[in-house]
Amino acid sequence: MKNHDIFSQPDYKRIYKDIVEKKFPDKSSKILPLLKDNLTVLEIIKINVIIFGKGDYETHKQNQMHKSYDEKTILHILKYQKDHKCNNIDLAKKFDLSRNTITKWKRIYGNKF
């Protein structure tokens, strides 16, 4: 059994709903329509940026180190590159990734998208 089979994803819908209701009620009109039962990694990042903003350089740098992407999201990003004919630099800027990460993903998942 793999780890992702044992552990389920947190209930991001409930977490973000509670945060918005208690701390950021002014942002509820933007956030609540985005919440659904199964959020993708990209949707979670987008909601997080809407609520908390990008933060200063140090916060952003720290957050970048702790991001992780599932295979479905990686394939979505690589498909976006193919569909929009982006180079690695443009894709890295669009999704706030490193070019080395994109190159590594292409090497690993190259034939799956």
Protein backbone atom coordinates (compact mmCIF):
# COMPACT_ATOMS: atom_id res chain seq x y z
CA MET A 1 0.00 0.00 0.00
CA LYS A 2 1.31 3.45 -0.90
CA ASN A 3 1.31 6.40 1.50
CA HIS A 4 -1.29 8.31 -0.49
CA ASP A 5 -3.64 5.34 -0.09
CA ILE A 6 -3.34 5.47 3.70
CA PHE A 7 -3.61 9.22 4.25
CA SER A 8 -6.46 11.27 2.91
CA GLN A 9 -6.23 14.88 1.83
CA PRO A 10 -7.18 17.52 4.41
CA ASP A 11 -10.65 19.04 4.09
CA TYR A 12 -9.44 22.26 2.48
CA LYS A 13 -13.00 23.41 1.82
CA ARG A 14 -13.79 23.44 5.54
CA ILE A 15 -10.39 24.87 6.50
CA TYR A 16 -10.60 27.79 4.08
CA LYS A 17 -14.28 28.38 4.85
CA ASP A 18 -13.46 28.71 8.57
CA ILE A 19 -10.49 31.01 7.89
CA VAL A 20 -12.57 33.28 5.65
CA GLU A 21 -15.52 33.41 8.04
CA LYS A 22 -13.40 34.12 11.12
CA LYS A 23 -10.52 36.25 9.87
CA PHE A 24 -11.29 37.54 6.37
CA PRO A 25 -15.07 37.99 5.96
CA ASP A 26 -14.41 40.74 3.40
CA LYS A 27 -12.91 38.14 1.04
CA SER A 28 -15.81 35.67 1.27
CA SER A 29 -17.35 36.76 -2.05
CA LYS A 30 -14.09 35.87 -3.85
CA ILE A 31 -13.24 32.68 -1.98
CA LEU A 32 -16.50 30.83 -1.27
CA PRO A 33 -17.38 30.30 -4.98
CA LEU A 34 -13.94 28.69 -5.50
CA LEU A 35 -14.38 26.15 -2.71
CA LYS A 36 -15.38 22.62 -3.66
CA ASP A 37 -14.96 19.17 -2.15
CA ASN A 38 -11.87 18.11 -4.11
CA LEU A 39 -9.44 20.95 -4.76
CA THR A 40 -6.37 20.53 -6.93
CA VAL A 41 -2.96 21.70 -5.76
CA LEU A 42 -3.12 24.69 -8.12
CA GLU A 43 -6.54 25.69 -6.78
CA ILE A 44 -5.26 25.46 -3.20
CA ILE A 45 -2.29 27.69 -4.04
CA LYS A 46 -4.57 30.20 -5.81
CA ILE A 47 -6.98 30.38 -2.85
CA ASN A 48 -4.08 30.73 -0.43
CA VAL A 49 -2.66 33.68 -2.41
CA ILE A 50 -6.09 35.38 -2.56
CA ILE A 51 -6.53 35.08 1.21
CA PHE A 52 -3.03 35.76 2.48
CA GLY A 53 -1.31 37.47 -0.46
CA LYS A 54 2.20 36.61 -1.65
CA GLY A 55 3.93 37.98 1.44
CA ASP A 56 7.41 39.40 1.63
CA TYR A 57 10.46 37.85 -0.02
CA GLU A 58 11.43 35.64 2.93
CA THR A 59 7.90 34.29 3.38
CA HIS A 60 7.60 33.61 -0.34
CA LYS A 61 10.99 31.86 -0.38
CA GLN A 62 10.00 29.69 2.60
CA ASN A 63 6.63 28.81 1.05
CA GLN A 64 8.29 27.83 -2.23
CA MET A 65 10.45 25.27 -0.44
CA HIS A 66 7.39 23.55 1.03
CA LYS A 67 5.21 23.30 -2.07
CA SER A 68 4.59 19.84 -3.41
CA TYR A 69 2.68 18.74 -6.48
CA ASP A 70 0.85 15.52 -7.20
CA GLU A 71 1.23 13.72 -10.51
CA LYS A 72 -2.12 14.98 -11.81
CA THR A 73 -1.08 18.61 -11.25
CA ILE A 74 2.37 18.08 -12.77
CA LEU A 75 0.80 16.59 -15.89
CA HIS A 76 -1.66 19.50 -16.03
CA ILE A 77 1.22 22.00 -15.92
CA LEU A 78 3.18 20.14 -18.60
CA LYS A 79 0.06 19.89 -20.77
CA TYR A 80 -0.44 23.64 -20.33
CA GLN A 81 3.09 24.17 -21.66
CA LYS A 82 2.42 21.98 -24.68
CA ASP A 83 -1.00 23.50 -25.45
CA HIS A 84 0.17 27.10 -25.09
CA LYS A 85 3.58 26.50 -26.69
CA CYS A 86 5.46 27.98 -23.73
CA ASN A 87 9.14 27.54 -23.14
CA ASN A 88 10.42 26.53 -19.68
CA ILE A 89 11.11 30.15 -18.68
CA ASP A 90 7.54 31.28 -19.47
CA LEU A 91 6.04 28.26 -17.73
CA ALA A 92 8.23 28.81 -14.67
CA LYS A 93 7.03 32.42 -14.40
CA LYS A 94 3.37 31.48 -14.95
CA PHE A 95 3.30 28.82 -12.22
CA ASP A 96 6.04 30.27 -9.99
CA LEU A 97 8.34 27.28 -10.41
CA SER A 98 12.02 26.78 -11.05
CA ARG A 99 13.16 25.93 -14.57
CA ASN A 100 15.08 22.99 -13.12
CA THR A 101 11.88 21.59 -11.63
CA ILE A 102 10.16 21.77 -15.01
CA THR A 103 13.10 20.06 -16.70
CA LYS A 104 13.06 17.30 -14.09
CA TRP A 105 9.30 16.80 -14.50
CA LYS A 106 9.68 16.59 -18.28
CA ARG A 107 12.38 13.97 -17.88
CA ILE A 108 10.21 11.91 -15.50
CA TYR A 109 6.76 12.39 -17.09
CA GLY A 110 7.82 13.16 -20.66
CA ASN A 111 5.76 10.45 -22.32
CA LYS A 112 2.61 10.75 -20.15
CA PHE A 113 1.20 14.03 -21.44
